[in-house]
Full PDB file with SEQRES, HELIX, SHEET, SSBOND, CRYST1, ORIGX, SCALE, CONECT and MASTER records, all heavy atoms in Angstrom:
SEQRES   1 A   43  VAL ALA GLY GLY VAL GLN VAL VAL PRO CYS SER ILE PRO          
SEQRES   2 A   43  GLU ALA ARG ALA MET LEU ASP ALA GLY LYS VAL ARG SER          
SEQRES   3 A   43  LEU VAL ILE MET ASP GLY LYS ARG ASN PRO VAL TYR PRO          
SEQRES   4 A   43  ASN VAL PRO THR                                              
HELIX    1 AA1 ILE A   12  ASP A   20  1                                   9    
CRYST1    1.000    1.000    1.000  90.00  90.00  90.00 P 1           1          
ORIGX1      1.000000  0.000000  0.000000        0.00000                         
ORIGX2      0.000000  1.000000  0.000000        0.00000                         
ORIGX3      0.000000  0.000000  1.000000        0.00000                         
SCALE1      1.000000  0.000000  0.000000        0.00000                         
SCALE2      0.000000  1.000000  0.000000        0.00000                         
SCALE3      0.000000  0.000000  1.000000        0.00000                         
ATOM      1  N   VAL A   1       0.850  -1.243   0.037  1.00  0.00           N  
ATOM      2  CA  VAL A   1       0.039   0.043   0.000  1.00  0.00           C  
ATOM      3  C   VAL A   1       0.848   1.280  -0.026  1.00  0.00           C  
ATOM      4  O   VAL A   1       0.543   2.328  -0.679  1.00  0.00           O  
ATOM      5  CB  VAL A   1      -0.844   0.065   1.248  1.00  0.00           C  
ATOM      6  CG1 VAL A   1      -1.652   1.361   1.348  1.00  0.00           C  
ATOM      7  CG2 VAL A   1      -2.002  -1.030   1.089  1.00  0.00           C  
ATOM      8  N   ALA A   2       2.073   1.214   0.692  1.00  0.00           N  
ATOM      9  CA  ALA A   2       2.968   2.371   0.740  1.00  0.00           C  
ATOM     10  C   ALA A   2       3.816   2.450  -0.586  1.00  0.00           C  
ATOM     11  O   ALA A   2       4.451   3.391  -0.708  1.00  0.00           O  
ATOM     12  CB  ALA A   2       3.969   2.189   1.976  1.00  0.00           C  
ATOM     13  N   GLY A   3       3.735   1.463  -1.476  1.00  0.00           N  
ATOM     14  CA  GLY A   3       4.418   1.584  -2.759  1.00  0.00           C  
ATOM     15  C   GLY A   3       5.735   0.802  -2.793  1.00  0.00           C  
ATOM     16  O   GLY A   3       6.372   0.928  -3.864  1.00  0.00           O  
ATOM     17  N   GLY A   4       6.039   0.080  -1.691  1.00  0.00           N  
ATOM     18  CA  GLY A   4       7.290  -0.599  -1.635  1.00  0.00           C  
ATOM     19  C   GLY A   4       7.394  -1.786  -2.506  1.00  0.00           C  
ATOM     20  O   GLY A   4       8.475  -2.081  -3.125  1.00  0.00           O  
ATOM     21  N   VAL A   5       6.308  -2.598  -2.579  1.00  0.00           N  
ATOM     22  CA  VAL A   5       6.198  -3.644  -3.487  1.00  0.00           C  
ATOM     23  C   VAL A   5       4.904  -3.627  -4.274  1.00  0.00           C  
ATOM     24  O   VAL A   5       4.116  -2.696  -4.055  1.00  0.00           O  
ATOM     25  CB  VAL A   5       6.300  -5.046  -2.749  1.00  0.00           C  
ATOM     26  CG1 VAL A   5       7.581  -5.109  -1.958  1.00  0.00           C  
ATOM     27  CG2 VAL A   5       5.050  -5.112  -1.675  1.00  0.00           C  
ATOM     28  N   GLN A   6       4.770  -4.461  -5.199  1.00  0.00           N  
ATOM     29  CA  GLN A   6       3.651  -4.338  -6.139  1.00  0.00           C  
ATOM     30  C   GLN A   6       2.602  -5.527  -6.007  1.00  0.00           C  
ATOM     31  O   GLN A   6       1.521  -5.388  -6.401  1.00  0.00           O  
ATOM     32  CB  GLN A   6       3.912  -4.097  -7.588  1.00  0.00           C  
ATOM     33  CG  GLN A   6       4.686  -2.790  -7.890  1.00  0.00           C  
ATOM     34  CD  GLN A   6       6.008  -2.657  -7.369  1.00  0.00           C  
ATOM     35  OE1 GLN A   6       6.892  -3.512  -7.411  1.00  0.00           O  
ATOM     36  NE2 GLN A   6       6.258  -1.497  -6.691  1.00  0.00           N  
ATOM     37  N   VAL A   7       3.044  -6.574  -5.494  1.00  0.00           N  
ATOM     38  CA  VAL A   7       2.181  -7.776  -5.363  1.00  0.00           C  
ATOM     39  C   VAL A   7       2.432  -8.434  -3.986  1.00  0.00           C  
ATOM     40  O   VAL A   7       3.483  -8.485  -3.503  1.00  0.00           O  
ATOM     41  CB  VAL A   7       2.538  -8.851  -6.474  1.00  0.00           C  
ATOM     42  CG1 VAL A   7       1.628  -9.914  -6.554  1.00  0.00           C  
ATOM     43  CG2 VAL A   7       2.743  -8.216  -7.829  1.00  0.00           C  
ATOM     44  N   VAL A   8       1.254  -8.960  -3.339  1.00  0.00           N  
ATOM     45  CA  VAL A   8       1.312  -9.724  -2.319  1.00  0.00           C  
ATOM     46  C   VAL A   8       0.494 -11.045  -2.461  1.00  0.00           C  
ATOM     47  O   VAL A   8      -0.686 -10.928  -2.368  1.00  0.00           O  
ATOM     48  CB  VAL A   8       0.835  -8.971  -0.974  1.00  0.00           C  
ATOM     49  CG1 VAL A   8       0.820  -9.851   0.245  1.00  0.00           C  
ATOM     50  CG2 VAL A   8       1.841  -7.844  -0.720  1.00  0.00           C  
ATOM     51  N   PRO A   9       1.135 -12.231  -2.621  1.00  0.00           N  
ATOM     52  CA  PRO A   9       0.394 -13.366  -2.687  1.00  0.00           C  
ATOM     53  C   PRO A   9       0.220 -13.985  -1.263  1.00  0.00           C  
ATOM     54  O   PRO A   9       1.174 -14.508  -0.609  1.00  0.00           O  
ATOM     55  CB  PRO A   9       1.357 -14.283  -3.588  1.00  0.00           C  
ATOM     56  CG  PRO A   9       2.731 -13.735  -3.210  1.00  0.00           C  
ATOM     57  CD  PRO A   9       2.541 -12.332  -2.884  1.00  0.00           C  
ATOM     58  N   CYS A  10      -0.910 -13.766  -0.733  1.00  0.00           N  
ATOM     59  CA  CYS A  10      -1.224 -14.332   0.626  1.00  0.00           C  
ATOM     60  C   CYS A  10      -2.639 -14.854   0.530  1.00  0.00           C  
ATOM     61  O   CYS A  10      -3.348 -14.684  -0.312  1.00  0.00           O  
ATOM     62  CB  CYS A  10      -1.046 -13.249   1.681  1.00  0.00           C  
ATOM     63  SG  CYS A  10      -2.058 -11.892   1.581  1.00  0.00           S  
ATOM     64  N   SER A  11      -3.151 -15.431   1.674  1.00  0.00           N  
ATOM     65  CA  SER A  11      -4.545 -15.795   1.783  1.00  0.00           C  
ATOM     66  C   SER A  11      -5.364 -14.729   1.664  1.00  0.00           C  
ATOM     67  O   SER A  11      -5.063 -13.524   2.278  1.00  0.00           O  
ATOM     68  CB  SER A  11      -4.653 -16.743   2.973  1.00  0.00           C  
ATOM     69  OG  SER A  11      -4.597 -15.948   4.212  1.00  0.00           O  
ATOM     70  N   ILE A  12      -6.597 -14.828   1.194  1.00  0.00           N  
ATOM     71  CA  ILE A  12      -7.516 -13.741   1.134  1.00  0.00           C  
ATOM     72  C   ILE A  12      -7.966 -13.319   2.624  1.00  0.00           C  
ATOM     73  O   ILE A  12      -8.084 -12.145   2.934  1.00  0.00           O  
ATOM     74  CB  ILE A  12      -8.811 -14.040   0.373  1.00  0.00           C  
ATOM     75  CG1 ILE A  12      -8.407 -14.240  -1.061  1.00  0.00           C  
ATOM     76  CG2 ILE A  12      -9.962 -13.136   0.626  1.00  0.00           C  
ATOM     77  CD1 ILE A  12      -9.502 -14.553  -2.050  1.00  0.00           C  
ATOM     78  N   PRO A  13      -8.087 -14.237   3.608  1.00  0.00           N  
ATOM     79  CA  PRO A  13      -8.416 -13.776   4.926  1.00  0.00           C  
ATOM     80  C   PRO A  13      -7.314 -12.833   5.513  1.00  0.00           C  
ATOM     81  O   PRO A  13      -7.661 -11.936   6.280  1.00  0.00           O  
ATOM     82  CB  PRO A  13      -8.475 -15.144   5.738  1.00  0.00           C  
ATOM     83  CG  PRO A  13      -8.844 -16.216   4.780  1.00  0.00           C  
ATOM     84  CD  PRO A  13      -8.231 -15.659   3.492  1.00  0.00           C  
ATOM     85  N   GLU A  14      -6.000 -13.060   5.189  1.00  0.00           N  
ATOM     86  CA  GLU A  14      -4.997 -12.190   5.768  1.00  0.00           C  
ATOM     87  C   GLU A  14      -5.045 -10.782   5.147  1.00  0.00           C  
ATOM     88  O   GLU A  14      -4.627  -9.864   5.758  1.00  0.00           O  
ATOM     89  CB  GLU A  14      -3.669 -12.795   5.416  1.00  0.00           C  
ATOM     90  CG  GLU A  14      -3.279 -14.043   6.288  1.00  0.00           C  
ATOM     91  CD  GLU A  14      -1.958 -14.615   5.873  1.00  0.00           C  
ATOM     92  OE1 GLU A  14      -1.736 -14.837   4.863  1.00  0.00           O  
ATOM     93  OE2 GLU A  14      -1.100 -14.783   6.895  1.00  0.00           O  
ATOM     94  N   ALA A  15      -5.621 -10.661   3.899  1.00  0.00           N  
ATOM     95  CA  ALA A  15      -5.859  -9.450   3.257  1.00  0.00           C  
ATOM     96  C   ALA A  15      -7.201  -8.767   3.519  1.00  0.00           C  
ATOM     97  O   ALA A  15      -7.424  -7.647   3.039  1.00  0.00           O  
ATOM     98  CB  ALA A  15      -5.628  -9.632   1.714  1.00  0.00           C  
ATOM     99  N   ARG A  16      -8.013  -9.366   4.226  1.00  0.00           N  
ATOM    100  CA  ARG A  16      -9.428  -8.984   4.347  1.00  0.00           C  
ATOM    101  C   ARG A  16      -9.532  -7.612   4.961  1.00  0.00           C  
ATOM    102  O   ARG A  16     -10.436  -6.836   4.333  1.00  0.00           O  
ATOM    103  CB  ARG A  16     -10.185  -9.908   5.367  1.00  0.00           C  
ATOM    104  CG  ARG A  16     -11.580  -9.606   5.419  1.00  0.00           C  
ATOM    105  CD  ARG A  16     -12.525 -10.635   5.876  1.00  0.00           C  
ATOM    106  NE  ARG A  16     -13.993 -10.243   5.729  1.00  0.00           N  
ATOM    107  CZ  ARG A  16     -14.897 -10.971   5.996  1.00  0.00           C  
ATOM    108  NH1 ARG A  16     -14.761 -12.303   6.303  1.00  0.00           N  
ATOM    109  NH2 ARG A  16     -16.162 -10.546   5.772  1.00  0.00           N  
ATOM    110  N   ALA A  17      -8.814  -7.177   5.929  1.00  0.00           N  
ATOM    111  CA  ALA A  17      -8.942  -5.916   6.461  1.00  0.00           C  
ATOM    112  C   ALA A  17      -8.741  -4.752   5.413  1.00  0.00           C  
ATOM    113  O   ALA A  17      -9.439  -3.789   5.252  1.00  0.00           O  
ATOM    114  CB  ALA A  17      -8.168  -5.611   7.654  1.00  0.00           C  
ATOM    115  N   MET A  18      -7.755  -5.012   4.614  1.00  0.00           N  
ATOM    116  CA  MET A  18      -7.414  -3.965   3.546  1.00  0.00           C  
ATOM    117  C   MET A  18      -8.240  -4.124   2.385  1.00  0.00           C  
ATOM    118  O   MET A  18      -8.513  -3.138   1.671  1.00  0.00           O  
ATOM    119  CB  MET A  18      -5.869  -4.113   3.174  1.00  0.00           C  
ATOM    120  CG  MET A  18      -4.956  -3.604   4.211  1.00  0.00           C  
ATOM    121  SD  MET A  18      -3.268  -3.412   3.578  1.00  0.00           S  
ATOM    122  CE  MET A  18      -2.465  -2.651   4.995  1.00  0.00           C  
ATOM    123  N   LEU A  19      -8.782  -5.421   2.117  1.00  0.00           N  
ATOM    124  CA  LEU A  19      -9.793  -5.593   0.994  1.00  0.00           C  
ATOM    125  C   LEU A  19     -11.037  -4.732   1.321  1.00  0.00           C  
ATOM    126  O   LEU A  19     -11.634  -4.032   0.479  1.00  0.00           O  
ATOM    127  CB  LEU A  19     -10.063  -7.052   0.838  1.00  0.00           C  
ATOM    128  CG  LEU A  19      -9.016  -7.914   0.132  1.00  0.00           C  
ATOM    129  CD1 LEU A  19      -9.345  -9.420   0.322  1.00  0.00           C  
ATOM    130  CD2 LEU A  19      -8.960  -7.535  -1.323  1.00  0.00           C  
ATOM    131  N   ASP A  20     -11.504  -4.920   2.558  1.00  0.00           N  
ATOM    132  CA  ASP A  20     -12.726  -4.307   3.005  1.00  0.00           C  
ATOM    133  C   ASP A  20     -12.554  -2.776   3.168  1.00  0.00           C  
ATOM    134  O   ASP A  20     -13.445  -2.072   2.973  1.00  0.00           O  
ATOM    135  CB  ASP A  20     -13.275  -4.854   4.408  1.00  0.00           C  
ATOM    136  CG  ASP A  20     -13.692  -6.321   4.245  1.00  0.00           C  
ATOM    137  OD1 ASP A  20     -13.823  -6.825   3.094  1.00  0.00           O  
ATOM    138  OD2 ASP A  20     -13.911  -6.977   5.327  1.00  0.00           O  
ATOM    139  N   ALA A  21     -11.350  -2.349   3.311  1.00  0.00           N  
ATOM    140  CA  ALA A  21     -11.109  -0.864   3.487  1.00  0.00           C  
ATOM    141  C   ALA A  21     -10.861  -0.391   2.092  1.00  0.00           C  
ATOM    142  O   ALA A  21     -10.680   0.958   2.053  1.00  0.00           O  
ATOM    143  CB  ALA A  21      -9.938  -0.709   4.254  1.00  0.00           C  
ATOM    144  N   GLY A  22     -10.832  -1.171   1.111  1.00  0.00           N  
ATOM    145  CA  GLY A  22     -10.730  -0.601  -0.284  1.00  0.00           C  
ATOM    146  C   GLY A  22      -9.197  -0.292  -0.550  1.00  0.00           C  
ATOM    147  O   GLY A  22      -8.988   0.447  -1.690  1.00  0.00           O  
ATOM    148  N   LYS A  23      -8.298  -0.777   0.133  1.00  0.00           N  
ATOM    149  CA  LYS A  23      -6.927  -0.511  -0.195  1.00  0.00           C  
ATOM    150  C   LYS A  23      -6.261  -1.373  -1.030  1.00  0.00           C  
ATOM    151  O   LYS A  23      -5.205  -1.062  -1.776  1.00  0.00           O  
ATOM    152  CB  LYS A  23      -6.181  -0.377   1.232  1.00  0.00           C  
ATOM    153  CG  LYS A  23      -6.485   0.797   2.080  1.00  0.00           C  
ATOM    154  CD  LYS A  23      -5.798   0.923   3.325  1.00  0.00           C  
ATOM    155  CE  LYS A  23      -6.144   1.995   4.217  1.00  0.00           C  
ATOM    156  NZ  LYS A  23      -5.379   2.119   5.475  1.00  0.00           N  
ATOM    157  N   VAL A  24      -6.632  -2.609  -1.057  1.00  0.00           N  
ATOM    158  CA  VAL A  24      -6.102  -3.665  -1.985  1.00  0.00           C  
ATOM    159  C   VAL A  24      -7.213  -4.350  -2.760  1.00  0.00           C  
ATOM    160  O   VAL A  24      -8.374  -4.347  -2.380  1.00  0.00           O  
ATOM    161  CB  VAL A  24      -5.241  -4.693  -1.196  1.00  0.00           C  
ATOM    162  CG1 VAL A  24      -4.212  -3.937  -0.377  1.00  0.00           C  
ATOM    163  CG2 VAL A  24      -6.050  -5.566  -0.304  1.00  0.00           C  
ATOM    164  N   ARG A  25      -6.873  -5.048  -3.871  1.00  0.00           N  
ATOM    165  CA  ARG A  25      -7.745  -5.792  -4.708  1.00  0.00           C  
ATOM    166  C   ARG A  25      -7.156  -7.154  -4.780  1.00  0.00           C  
ATOM    167  O   ARG A  25      -6.014  -7.412  -5.143  1.00  0.00           O  
ATOM    168  CB  ARG A  25      -7.896  -5.093  -5.999  1.00  0.00           C  
ATOM    169  CG  ARG A  25      -8.808  -5.753  -6.937  1.00  0.00           C  
ATOM    170  CD  ARG A  25      -9.196  -4.997  -8.132  1.00  0.00           C  
ATOM    171  NE  ARG A  25      -8.103  -4.592  -8.969  1.00  0.00           N  
ATOM    172  CZ  ARG A  25      -7.556  -3.402  -9.120  1.00  0.00           C  
ATOM    173  NH1 ARG A  25      -8.067  -2.417  -8.382  1.00  0.00           N  
ATOM    174  NH2 ARG A  25      -6.533  -3.080  -9.820  1.00  0.00           N  
ATOM    175  N   SER A  26      -8.072  -8.247  -4.762  1.00  0.00           N  
ATOM    176  CA  SER A  26      -7.573  -9.509  -4.974  1.00  0.00           C  
ATOM    177  C   SER A  26      -7.921 -10.001  -6.472  1.00  0.00           C  
ATOM    178  O   SER A  26      -9.145  -9.762  -6.732  1.00  0.00           O  
ATOM    179  CB  SER A  26      -8.259 -10.561  -3.928  1.00  0.00           C  
ATOM    180  OG  SER A  26      -7.780 -11.851  -4.019  1.00  0.00           O  
ATOM    181  N   LEU A  27      -6.926 -10.481  -7.105  1.00  0.00           N  
ATOM    182  CA  LEU A  27      -7.150 -10.849  -8.551  1.00  0.00           C  
ATOM    183  C   LEU A  27      -7.538 -12.307  -8.673  1.00  0.00           C  
ATOM    184  O   LEU A  27      -8.176 -12.577  -9.683  1.00  0.00           O  
ATOM    185  CB  LEU A  27      -5.833 -10.552  -9.209  1.00  0.00           C  
ATOM    186  CG  LEU A  27      -5.283  -9.104  -9.244  1.00  0.00           C  
ATOM    187  CD1 LEU A  27      -4.027  -8.993 -10.031  1.00  0.00           C  
ATOM    188  CD2 LEU A  27      -6.304  -8.166  -9.793  1.00  0.00           C  
ATOM    189  N   VAL A  28      -7.079 -13.171  -7.846  1.00  0.00           N  
ATOM    190  CA  VAL A  28      -7.308 -14.510  -8.120  1.00  0.00           C  
ATOM    191  C   VAL A  28      -7.050 -15.415  -6.811  1.00  0.00           C  
ATOM    192  O   VAL A  28      -6.437 -14.898  -5.872  1.00  0.00           O  
ATOM    193  CB  VAL A  28      -6.490 -15.019  -9.246  1.00  0.00           C  
ATOM    194  CG1 VAL A  28      -4.941 -15.147  -8.715  1.00  0.00           C  
ATOM    195  CG2 VAL A  28      -6.949 -16.415  -9.854  1.00  0.00           C  
ATOM    196  N   ILE A  29      -7.607 -16.650  -6.719  1.00  0.00           N  
ATOM    197  CA  ILE A  29      -7.321 -17.522  -5.719  1.00  0.00           C  
ATOM    198  C   ILE A  29      -6.761 -18.809  -6.138  1.00  0.00           C  
ATOM    199  O   ILE A  29      -7.308 -19.318  -7.192  1.00  0.00           O  
ATOM    200  CB  ILE A  29      -8.586 -17.642  -4.730  1.00  0.00           C  
ATOM    201  CG1 ILE A  29      -8.257 -18.598  -3.566  1.00  0.00           C  
ATOM    202  CG2 ILE A  29      -9.775 -18.422  -5.528  1.00  0.00           C  
ATOM    203  CD1 ILE A  29      -9.430 -18.539  -2.530  1.00  0.00           C  
ATOM    204  N   MET A  30      -5.714 -19.280  -5.598  1.00  0.00           N  
ATOM    205  CA  MET A  30      -5.147 -20.492  -5.998  1.00  0.00           C  
ATOM    206  C   MET A  30      -5.706 -21.762  -5.445  1.00  0.00           C  
ATOM    207  O   MET A  30      -5.140 -22.532  -4.505  1.00  0.00           O  
ATOM    208  CB  MET A  30      -3.570 -20.475  -5.709  1.00  0.00           C  
ATOM    209  CG  MET A  30      -2.907 -19.338  -6.283  1.00  0.00           C  
ATOM    210  SD  MET A  30      -1.057 -19.318  -5.999  1.00  0.00           S  
ATOM    211  CE  MET A  30      -0.562 -17.661  -6.398  1.00  0.00           C  
ATOM    212  N   ASP A  31      -6.948 -21.953  -5.858  1.00  0.00           N  
ATOM    213  CA  ASP A  31      -7.679 -23.127  -5.262  1.00  0.00           C  
ATOM    214  C   ASP A  31      -8.712 -23.640  -6.235  1.00  0.00           C  
ATOM    215  O   ASP A  31      -8.935 -23.029  -7.322  1.00  0.00           O  
ATOM    216  CB  ASP A  31      -8.407 -22.666  -4.017  1.00  0.00           C  
ATOM    217  CG  ASP A  31      -8.963 -23.812  -3.047  1.00  0.00           C  
ATOM    218  OD1 ASP A  31      -8.417 -24.879  -3.183  1.00  0.00           O  
ATOM    219  OD2 ASP A  31      -9.932 -23.525  -2.412  1.00  0.00           O  
ATOM    220  N   GLY A  32      -9.256 -24.842  -5.989  1.00  0.00           N  
ATOM    221  CA  GLY A  32     -10.254 -25.323  -6.938  1.00  0.00           C  
ATOM    222  C   GLY A  32     -11.487 -24.709  -6.870  1.00  0.00           C  
ATOM    223  O   GLY A  32     -12.395 -24.971  -7.731  1.00  0.00           O  
ATOM    224  N   LYS A  33     -11.819 -23.957  -5.758  1.00  0.00           N  
ATOM    225  CA  LYS A  33     -13.069 -23.324  -5.619  1.00  0.00           C  
ATOM    226  C   LYS A  33     -12.925 -21.826  -5.106  1.00  0.00           C  
ATOM    227  O   LYS A  33     -11.881 -21.482  -4.463  1.00  0.00           O  
ATOM    228  CB  LYS A  33     -14.031 -24.128  -4.735  1.00  0.00           C  
ATOM    229  CG  LYS A  33     -13.491 -24.276  -3.304  1.00  0.00           C  
ATOM    230  CD  LYS A  33     -14.423 -25.165  -2.518  1.00  0.00           C  
ATOM    231  CE  LYS A  33     -13.985 -25.367  -1.073  1.00  0.00           C  
ATOM    232  NZ  LYS A  33     -12.619 -26.002  -0.945  1.00  0.00           N  
ATOM    233  N   ARG A  34     -13.906 -21.038  -5.407  1.00  0.00           N  
ATOM    234  CA  ARG A  34     -13.968 -19.683  -4.930  1.00  0.00           C  
ATOM    235  C   ARG A  34     -14.121 -19.552  -3.490  1.00  0.00           C  
ATOM    236  O   ARG A  34     -14.828 -20.511  -2.850  1.00  0.00           O  
ATOM    237  CB  ARG A  34     -14.908 -18.832  -5.712  1.00  0.00           C  
ATOM    238  CG  ARG A  34     -14.690 -18.793  -7.157  1.00  0.00           C  
ATOM    239  CD  ARG A  34     -15.593 -17.644  -7.742  1.00  0.00           C  
ATOM    240  NE  ARG A  34     -15.404 -17.652  -9.228  1.00  0.00           N  
ATOM    241  CZ  ARG A  34     -15.777 -16.598  -9.968  1.00  0.00           C  
ATOM    242  NH1 ARG A  34     -16.449 -15.605  -9.493  1.00  0.00           N  
ATOM    243  NH2 ARG A  34     -15.647 -16.727 -11.309  1.00  0.00           N  
ATOM    244  N   ASN A  35     -13.633 -18.398  -2.912  1.00  0.00           N  
ATOM    245  CA  ASN A  35     -13.771 -18.203  -1.383  1.00  0.00           C  
ATOM    246  C   ASN A  35     -15.217 -17.674  -1.216  1.00  0.00           C  
ATOM    247  O   ASN A  35     -15.627 -16.757  -1.861  1.00  0.00           O  
ATOM    248  CB  ASN A  35     -12.766 -17.125  -0.890  1.00  0.00           C  
ATOM    249  CG  ASN A  35     -12.909 -17.037   0.507  1.00  0.00           C  
ATOM    250  OD1 ASN A  35     -13.942 -16.673   1.152  1.00  0.00           O  
ATOM    251  ND2 ASN A  35     -11.716 -17.051   1.276  1.00  0.00           N  
ATOM    252  N   PRO A  36     -16.022 -18.343  -0.378  1.00  0.00           N  
ATOM    253  CA  PRO A  36     -17.446 -17.896  -0.352  1.00  0.00           C  
ATOM    254  C   PRO A  36     -17.640 -16.538   0.267  1.00  0.00           C  
ATOM    255  O   PRO A  36     -18.644 -15.877  -0.022  1.00  0.00           O  
ATOM    256  CB  PRO A  36     -18.046 -18.887   0.708  1.00  0.00           C  
ATOM    257  CG  PRO A  36     -16.954 -19.470   1.497  1.00  0.00           C  
ATOM    258  CD  PRO A  36     -15.718 -19.426   0.449  1.00  0.00           C  
ATOM    259  N   VAL A  37     -16.637 -15.894   0.954  1.00  0.00           N  
ATOM    260  CA  VAL A  37     -16.685 -14.475   1.468  1.00  0.00           C  
ATOM    261  C   VAL A  37     -16.521 -13.601   0.317  1.00  0.00           C  
ATOM    262  O   VAL A  37     -17.069 -12.436   0.384  1.00  0.00           O  
ATOM    263  CB  VAL A  37     -15.661 -14.306   2.510  1.00  0.00           C  
ATOM    264  CG1 VAL A  37     -15.859 -12.837   3.100  1.00  0.00           C  
ATOM    265  CG2 VAL A  37     -15.990 -15.328   3.620  1.00  0.00           C  
ATOM    266  N   TYR A  38     -15.674 -13.926  -0.668  1.00  0.00           N  
ATOM    267  CA  TYR A  38     -15.392 -13.129  -1.776  1.00  0.00           C  
ATOM    268  C   TYR A  38     -15.643 -13.879  -3.109  1.00  0.00           C  
ATOM    269  O   TYR A  38     -14.779 -14.287  -3.785  1.00  0.00           O  
ATOM    270  CB  TYR A  38     -13.865 -12.645  -1.718  1.00  0.00           C  
ATOM    271  CG  TYR A  38     -13.627 -11.819  -0.634  1.00  0.00           C  
ATOM    272  CD1 TYR A  38     -13.184 -12.288   0.610  1.00  0.00           C  
ATOM    273  CD2 TYR A  38     -13.876 -10.465  -0.725  1.00  0.00           C  
ATOM    274  CE1 TYR A  38     -12.807 -11.521   1.651  1.00  0.00           C  
ATOM    275  CE2 TYR A  38     -13.623  -9.460   0.428  1.00  0.00           C  
ATOM    276  CZ  TYR A  38     -13.180 -10.088   1.557  1.00  0.00           C  
ATOM    277  OH  TYR A  38     -12.887  -9.321   2.728  1.00  0.00           O  
ATOM    278  N   PRO A  39     -16.846 -14.200  -3.363  1.00  0.00           N  
ATOM    279  CA  PRO A  39     -17.276 -15.026  -4.484  1.00  0.00           C  
ATOM    280  C   PRO A  39     -16.975 -14.488  -5.826  1.00  0.00           C  
ATOM    281  O   PRO A  39     -16.940 -15.103  -6.909  1.00  0.00           O  
ATOM    282  CB  PRO A  39     -18.815 -15.174  -4.392  1.00  0.00           C  
ATOM    283  CG  PRO A  39     -19.269 -14.013  -3.576  1.00  0.00           C  
ATOM    284  CD  PRO A  39     -18.146 -13.663  -2.694  1.00  0.00           C  
ATOM    285  N   ASN A  40     -16.689 -13.058  -5.953  1.00  0.00           N  
ATOM    286  CA  ASN A  40     -16.358 -12.458  -7.198  1.00  0.00           C  
ATOM    287  C   ASN A  40     -14.830 -12.687  -7.588  1.00  0.00           C  
ATOM    288  O   ASN A  40     -14.479 -12.258  -8.742  1.00  0.00           O  
ATOM    289  CB  ASN A  40     -16.660 -10.967  -7.202  1.00  0.00           C  
ATOM    290  CG  ASN A  40     -18.222 -10.865  -7.105  1.00  0.00           C  
ATOM    291  OD1 ASN A  40     -18.947 -11.526  -7.595  1.00  0.00           O  
ATOM    292  ND2 ASN A  40     -18.562  -9.774  -6.399  1.00  0.00           N  
ATOM    293  N   VAL A  41     -14.008 -13.195  -6.726  1.00  0.00           N  
ATOM    294  CA  VAL A  41     -12.540 -13.459  -7.067  1.00  0.00           C  
ATOM    295  C   VAL A  41     -12.519 -14.871  -7.621  1.00  0.00           C  
ATOM    296  O   VAL A  41     -12.850 -15.821  -7.053  1.00  0.00           O  
ATOM    297  CB  VAL A  41     -11.784 -13.473  -5.706  1.00  0.00           C  
ATOM    298  CG1 VAL A  41     -10.310 -13.678  -6.064  1.00  0.00           C  
ATOM    299  CG2 VAL A  41     -11.904 -12.023  -4.990  1.00  0.00           C  
ATOM    300  N   PRO A  42     -12.046 -14.958  -8.943  1.00  0.00           N  
ATOM    301  CA  PRO A  42     -12.001 -16.126  -9.686  1.00  0.00           C  
ATOM    302  C   PRO A  42     -10.883 -17.008  -9.223  1.00  0.00           C  
ATOM    303  O   PRO A  42      -9.958 -16.628  -8.531  1.00  0.00           O  
ATOM    304  CB  PRO A  42     -11.716 -15.631 -11.229  1.00  0.00           C  
ATOM    305  CG  PRO A  42     -11.042 -14.438 -10.914  1.00  0.00           C  
ATOM    306  CD  PRO A  42     -11.617 -13.700  -9.705  1.00  0.00           C  
ATOM    307  N   THR A  43     -10.949 -18.280  -9.503  1.00  0.00           N  
ATOM    308  CA  THR A  43      -9.820 -19.323  -9.212  1.00  0.00           C  
ATOM    309  C   THR A  43      -8.790 -19.063 -10.260  1.00  0.00           C  
ATOM    310  O   THR A  43      -9.189 -18.458 -11.431  1.00  0.00           O  
ATOM    311  CB  THR A  43     -10.365 -20.682  -9.213  1.00  0.00           C  
ATOM    312  OG1 THR A  43     -10.764 -21.107 -10.479  1.00  0.00           O  
ATOM    313  CG2 THR A  43     -11.487 -20.859  -8.305  1.00  0.00           C  
TER     314      THR A  43                                                      
MASTER        0    0    0    1    0    0    0    6  313    1    0    4          
END                                                                             
């Protein structure tokens, strides 16, 4: 968020606070099914 790096591959739950605050965007999930809390994030 401060601009030091451009990508953070981590679990969606770990990013949730910043996702909900509108500071970060999740592009994809590395799983066979979508996360039910964020169903718009594709696998």
